[in-house]
Amino acid sequence: MIPCHYVMGFAFDIDRRSLLLIEKKRPDWMAGNWNGIGGHWEEVDAEKGGSVIVIAQRAMRREFKEETGLDFGAKRWQHCITMNCAGGIVYVFTIYDNGIEDAQSLTDELVERHHIGNLPPNVMDNLLWMIPLCMGEVRFPVSVTQNFVSTPVKHPFIERDEAKGAEGE
């Protein structure tokens, strides 16, 4: 069986103090939670050929533009994580640009800018380790196999308080 390919991106401001997240309405298991912005590959992403990462960059550019109205170009998206999951392979990217303040919600899912030290309490659990990783704590692409078992994750600048959400700084 050929795995499904997905992309997800974290767009940070230049100072890495805030990022864009999307409040998911689908699929059901994500509904009501905040996540990185992305989606699945489409045929158009692979039409020009290229490596898996180049195709994923095109998909990231397209998905981000469709959901936020922002177009940072494909090559500016930096690959930071490849995540092998039960549902397929997720290529995670990051970008740093102050233009994130101009993002709009172009679908029925809300796109908002959030401060790194004050993430919403209902962010997807895996974001608590993916965001620090994508912020440059590690300088090379990482491959991860995730089984979707929810476990608390501690990080020095993103501490999770279930009553209040995420705190830091």
C-alpha atoms as a PDB file:
ATOM      1  CA  MET A   1       0.000   0.000   0.000  1.00  0.00           C
ATOM      2  CA  ILE A   2       1.355   3.435  -0.944  1.00  0.00           C
ATOM      3  CA  PRO A   3       1.382   5.725   2.111  1.00  0.00           C
ATOM      4  CA  CYS A   4      -0.466   9.042   2.061  1.00  0.00           C
ATOM      5  CA  HIS A   5       1.809  12.085   2.089  1.00  0.00           C
ATOM      6  CA  TYR A   6       1.006  15.174   4.144  1.00  0.00           C
ATOM      7  CA  VAL A   7       2.711  18.466   4.921  1.00  0.00           C
ATOM      8  CA  MET A   8       2.492  20.692   7.960  1.00  0.00           C
ATOM      9  CA  GLY A   9       4.190  24.019   8.477  1.00  0.00           C
ATOM     10  CA  PHE A  10       5.024  26.317  11.341  1.00  0.00           C
ATOM     11  CA  ALA A  11       5.334  29.950  10.250  1.00  0.00           C
ATOM     12  CA  PHE A  12       7.143  32.006  12.895  1.00  0.00           C
ATOM     13  CA  ASP A  13       7.845  35.712  13.029  1.00  0.00           C
ATOM     14  CA  ILE A  14      11.525  36.643  12.591  1.00  0.00           C
ATOM     15  CA  ASP A  15      12.067  36.933  16.365  1.00  0.00           C
ATOM     16  CA  ARG A  16      10.544  33.468  16.916  1.00  0.00           C
ATOM     17  CA  ARG A  17       8.111  34.877  19.487  1.00  0.00           C
ATOM     18  CA  SER A  18       4.898  33.947  17.695  1.00  0.00           C
ATOM     19  CA  LEU A  19       3.608  31.554  15.069  1.00  0.00           C
ATOM     20  CA  LEU A  20       0.491  30.806  13.064  1.00  0.00           C
ATOM     21  CA  LEU A  21      -1.772  27.918  14.041  1.00  0.00           C
ATOM     22  CA  ILE A  22      -5.073  26.686  12.634  1.00  0.00           C
ATOM     23  CA  GLU A  23      -8.073  25.504  14.653  1.00  0.00           C
ATOM     24  CA  LYS A  24      -9.025  22.215  13.028  1.00  0.00           C
ATOM     25  CA  LYS A  25     -12.580  21.182  12.214  1.00  0.00           C
ATOM     26  CA  ARG A  26     -11.546  17.948  10.496  1.00  0.00           C
ATOM     27  CA  PRO A  27     -10.681  15.170  10.619  1.00  0.00           C
ATOM     28  CA  ASP A  28     -12.820  14.293  13.645  1.00  0.00           C
ATOM     29  CA  TRP A  29      -9.868  13.265  15.816  1.00  0.00           C
ATOM     30  CA  MET A  30      -8.339  16.760  15.384  1.00  0.00           C
ATOM     31  CA  ALA A  31     -11.572  18.791  15.595  1.00  0.00           C
ATOM     32  CA  GLY A  32     -11.426  21.639  18.119  1.00  0.00           C
ATOM     33  CA  ASN A  33      -7.638  21.501  18.461  1.00  0.00           C
ATOM     34  CA  TRP A  34      -4.979  23.890  17.177  1.00  0.00           C
ATOM     35  CA  ASN A  35      -2.378  22.516  14.785  1.00  0.00           C
ATOM     36  CA  GLY A  36       0.247  23.585  12.288  1.00  0.00           C
ATOM     37  CA  ILE A  37      -1.037  24.589   8.862  1.00  0.00           C
ATOM     38  CA  GLY A  38      -0.978  22.029   6.064  1.00  0.00           C
ATOM     39  CA  GLY A  39      -2.723  19.180   4.331  1.00  0.00           C
ATOM     40  CA  HIS A  40      -2.171  16.394   1.815  1.00  0.00           C
ATOM     41  CA  TRP A  41      -0.179  16.294  -1.414  1.00  0.00           C
ATOM     42  CA  GLU A  42      -2.025  16.713  -4.671  1.00  0.00           C
ATOM     43  CA  GLU A  43      -1.039  15.654  -8.188  1.00  0.00           C
ATOM     44  CA  VAL A  44      -0.148  19.222  -9.111  1.00  0.00           C
ATOM     45  CA  ASP A  45       2.602  19.210  -6.449  1.00  0.00           C
ATOM     46  CA  ALA A  46       4.457  16.373  -8.202  1.00  0.00           C
ATOM     47  CA  GLU A  47       3.905  17.418 -11.826  1.00  0.00           C
ATOM     48  CA  LYS A  48       7.326  19.082 -12.183  1.00  0.00           C
ATOM     49  CA  GLY A  49       9.099  16.125 -10.560  1.00  0.00           C
ATOM     50  CA  GLY A  50      11.939  16.488  -8.097  1.00  0.00           C
ATOM     51  CA  SER A  51      12.941  14.892  -4.822  1.00  0.00           C
ATOM     52  CA  VAL A  52      10.412  13.977  -2.155  1.00  0.00           C
ATOM     53  CA  ILE A  53      11.373  17.116  -0.183  1.00  0.00           C
ATOM     54  CA  VAL A  54      11.021  19.392  -3.237  1.00  0.00           C
ATOM     55  CA  ILE A  55       7.547  17.984  -3.918  1.00  0.00           C
ATOM     56  CA  ALA A  56       6.654  18.391  -0.239  1.00  0.00           C
ATOM     57  CA  GLN A  57       7.856  22.026  -0.353  1.00  0.00           C
ATOM     58  CA  ARG A  58       5.496  22.678  -3.274  1.00  0.00           C
ATOM     59  CA  ALA A  59       2.628  21.070  -1.360  1.00  0.00           C
ATOM     60  CA  MET A  60       3.497  23.171   1.702  1.00  0.00           C
ATOM     61  CA  ARG A  61       3.481  26.375  -0.339  1.00  0.00           C
ATOM     62  CA  ARG A  62       0.126  25.511  -1.923  1.00  0.00           C
ATOM     63  CA  GLU A  63      -1.565  24.437   1.330  1.00  0.00           C
ATOM     64  CA  PHE A  64      -0.302  27.474   3.237  1.00  0.00           C
ATOM     65  CA  LYS A  65      -1.507  29.855   0.526  1.00  0.00           C
ATOM     66  CA  GLU A  66      -4.908  28.145   0.334  1.00  0.00           C
ATOM     67  CA  GLU A  67      -5.461  28.466   4.090  1.00  0.00           C
ATOM     68  CA  THR A  68      -3.796  31.826   4.895  1.00  0.00           C
ATOM     69  CA  GLY A  69      -3.499  33.778   1.646  1.00  0.00           C
ATOM     70  CA  LEU A  70       0.275  34.065   2.181  1.00  0.00           C
ATOM     71  CA  ASP A  71       2.765  32.866  -0.425  1.00  0.00           C
ATOM     72  CA  PHE A  72       6.352  32.661   0.789  1.00  0.00           C
ATOM     73  CA  GLY A  73       7.526  30.531  -2.131  1.00  0.00           C
ATOM     74  CA  ALA A  74       8.289  26.824  -1.991  1.00  0.00           C
ATOM     75  CA  LYS A  75      12.062  26.920  -1.519  1.00  0.00           C
ATOM     76  CA  ARG A  76      11.901  29.083   1.631  1.00  0.00           C
ATOM     77  CA  TRP A  77      10.119  26.331   3.568  1.00  0.00           C
ATOM     78  CA  GLN A  78      12.813  24.473   5.546  1.00  0.00           C
ATOM     79  CA  HIS A  79      12.277  20.762   6.151  1.00  0.00           C
ATOM     80  CA  CYS A  80      12.747  19.892   9.822  1.00  0.00           C
ATOM     81  CA  ILE A  81      10.828  16.667  10.610  1.00  0.00           C
ATOM     82  CA  THR A  82       9.635  13.606   8.733  1.00  0.00           C
ATOM     83  CA  MET A  83       6.994  11.836  10.795  1.00  0.00           C
ATOM     84  CA  ASN A  84       5.891   8.286   9.961  1.00  0.00           C
ATOM     85  CA  CYS A  85       2.373   7.745  11.314  1.00  0.00           C
ATOM     86  CA  ALA A  86      -0.361   5.169  10.952  1.00  0.00           C
ATOM     87  CA  GLY A  87      -2.124   7.469   8.455  1.00  0.00           C
ATOM     88  CA  GLY A  88       0.911   8.177   6.292  1.00  0.00           C
ATOM     89  CA  ILE A  89       4.050  10.289   6.161  1.00  0.00           C
ATOM     90  CA  VAL A  90       4.030  13.895   7.368  1.00  0.00           C
ATOM     91  CA  TYR A  91       6.741  16.293   6.214  1.00  0.00           C
ATOM     92  CA  VAL A  92       7.028  19.188   8.668  1.00  0.00           C
ATOM     93  CA  PHE A  93       8.438  22.539   7.572  1.00  0.00           C
ATOM     94  CA  THR A  94       9.246  25.880   9.125  1.00  0.00           C
ATOM     95  CA  ILE A  95       9.637  29.424   7.872  1.00  0.00           C
ATOM     96  CA  TYR A  96      10.487  32.741   9.546  1.00  0.00           C
ATOM     97  CA  ASP A  97       8.809  35.857   8.182  1.00  0.00           C
ATOM     98  CA  ASN A  98       7.167  38.909   9.751  1.00  0.00           C
ATOM     99  CA  GLY A  99       4.570  38.724   6.999  1.00  0.00           C
ATOM    100  CA  ILE A 100       2.658  36.218   9.131  1.00  0.00           C
ATOM    101  CA  GLU A 101       0.813  39.196  10.629  1.00  0.00           C
ATOM    102  CA  ASP A 102      -1.051  39.479   7.290  1.00  0.00           C
ATOM    103  CA  ALA A 103      -2.472  35.942   7.443  1.00  0.00           C
ATOM    104  CA  GLN A 104      -6.189  35.486   6.855  1.00  0.00           C
ATOM    105  CA  SER A 105      -8.568  32.595   7.462  1.00  0.00           C
ATOM    106  CA  LEU A 106      -9.542  31.579   3.918  1.00  0.00           C
ATOM    107  CA  THR A 107     -11.384  28.377   4.829  1.00  0.00           C
ATOM    108  CA  ASP A 108     -13.877  27.501   7.551  1.00  0.00           C
ATOM    109  CA  GLU A 109     -10.933  26.772   9.882  1.00  0.00           C
ATOM    110  CA  LEU A 110      -9.661  29.725  11.936  1.00  0.00           C
ATOM    111  CA  VAL A 111      -6.014  30.819  11.444  1.00  0.00           C
ATOM    112  CA  GLU A 112      -4.515  32.845  14.302  1.00  0.00           C
ATOM    113  CA  ARG A 113      -1.154  34.133  15.455  1.00  0.00           C
ATOM    114  CA  HIS A 114      -0.146  32.812  18.905  1.00  0.00           C
ATOM    115  CA  HIS A 115       2.681  33.796  21.247  1.00  0.00           C
ATOM    116  CA  ILE A 116       5.112  30.933  21.825  1.00  0.00           C
ATOM    117  CA  GLY A 117       4.824  31.334  25.609  1.00  0.00           C
ATOM    118  CA  ASN A 118       1.022  31.354  25.564  1.00  0.00           C
ATOM    119  CA  LEU A 119      -0.181  28.564  23.331  1.00  0.00           C
ATOM    120  CA  PRO A 120      -3.864  27.621  23.570  1.00  0.00           C
ATOM    121  CA  PRO A 121      -4.677  24.788  25.994  1.00  0.00           C
ATOM    122  CA  ASN A 122      -6.129  22.696  23.163  1.00  0.00           C
ATOM    123  CA  VAL A 123      -3.087  22.463  20.896  1.00  0.00           C
ATOM    124  CA  MET A 124      -2.348  19.034  19.466  1.00  0.00           C
ATOM    125  CA  ASP A 125      -0.077  17.255  21.979  1.00  0.00           C
ATOM    126  CA  ASN A 126       2.715  16.603  19.481  1.00  0.00           C
ATOM    127  CA  LEU A 127       3.126  20.358  18.898  1.00  0.00           C
ATOM    128  CA  LEU A 128       4.706  20.623  22.354  1.00  0.00           C
ATOM    129  CA  TRP A 129       7.832  18.868  21.050  1.00  0.00           C
ATOM    130  CA  MET A 130       7.563  19.758  17.358  1.00  0.00           C
ATOM    131  CA  ILE A 131       7.490  23.545  17.839  1.00  0.00           C
ATOM    132  CA  PRO A 132      10.763  23.694  19.840  1.00  0.00           C
ATOM    133  CA  LEU A 133      12.377  21.304  17.360  1.00  0.00           C
ATOM    134  CA  CYS A 134      11.300  23.467  14.420  1.00  0.00           C
ATOM    135  CA  MET A 135      12.481  26.648  16.138  1.00  0.00           C
ATOM    136  CA  GLY A 136      16.064  25.641  15.523  1.00  0.00           C
ATOM    137  CA  GLU A 137      16.941  23.658  18.628  1.00  0.00           C
ATOM    138  CA  VAL A 138      18.171  20.910  16.267  1.00  0.00           C
ATOM    139  CA  ARG A 139      20.014  21.801  13.069  1.00  0.00           C
ATOM    140  CA  PHE A 140      19.156  18.847  10.846  1.00  0.00           C
ATOM    141  CA  PRO A 141      16.022  17.043   9.579  1.00  0.00           C
ATOM    142  CA  VAL A 142      14.660  14.496  12.054  1.00  0.00           C
ATOM    143  CA  SER A 143      12.709  11.322  11.310  1.00  0.00           C
ATOM    144  CA  VAL A 144      10.107  10.279  13.887  1.00  0.00           C
ATOM    145  CA  THR A 145       7.707   7.364  14.207  1.00  0.00           C
ATOM    146  CA  GLN A 146       4.679   8.405  16.233  1.00  0.00           C
ATOM    147  CA  ASN A 147       2.065   6.035  17.573  1.00  0.00           C
ATOM    148  CA  PHE A 148      -0.372   8.758  18.671  1.00  0.00           C
ATOM    149  CA  VAL A 149      -0.275   7.726  22.325  1.00  0.00           C
ATOM    150  CA  SER A 150      -0.780  10.963  24.214  1.00  0.00           C
ATOM    151  CA  THR A 151       1.927  11.470  26.811  1.00  0.00           C
ATOM    152  CA  PRO A 152       2.859  14.670  28.644  1.00  0.00           C
ATOM    153  CA  VAL A 153       5.935  16.327  27.190  1.00  0.00           C
ATOM    154  CA  LYS A 154       8.092  18.790  29.144  1.00  0.00           C
ATOM    155  CA  HIS A 155      10.217  21.434  27.480  1.00  0.00           C
ATOM    156  CA  PRO A 156      12.257  24.177  29.196  1.00  0.00           C
ATOM    157  CA  PHE A 157      10.397  27.074  27.572  1.00  0.00           C
ATOM    158  CA  ILE A 158       7.022  25.552  26.801  1.00  0.00           C
ATOM    159  CA  GLU A 159       5.555  24.236  30.031  1.00  0.00           C
ATOM    160  CA  ARG A 160       2.094  22.738  29.930  1.00  0.00           C
ATOM    161  CA  ASP A 161      -0.386  23.632  32.664  1.00  0.00           C
ATOM    162  CA  GLU A 162      -3.607  21.806  31.820  1.00  0.00           C
ATOM    163  CA  ALA A 163      -5.710  24.359  33.697  1.00  0.00           C
ATOM    164  CA  LYS A 164      -4.254  27.402  31.901  1.00  0.00           C
ATOM    165  CA  GLY A 165      -2.751  26.097  28.675  1.00  0.00           C
ATOM    166  CA  ALA A 166       0.912  26.573  27.813  1.00  0.00           C
ATOM    167  CA  GLU A 167       3.099  29.054  29.635  1.00  0.00           C
ATOM    168  CA  GLY A 168       6.657  30.208  29.175  1.00  0.00           C
ATOM    169  CA  GLU A 169       9.148  33.037  28.835  1.00  0.00           C
END
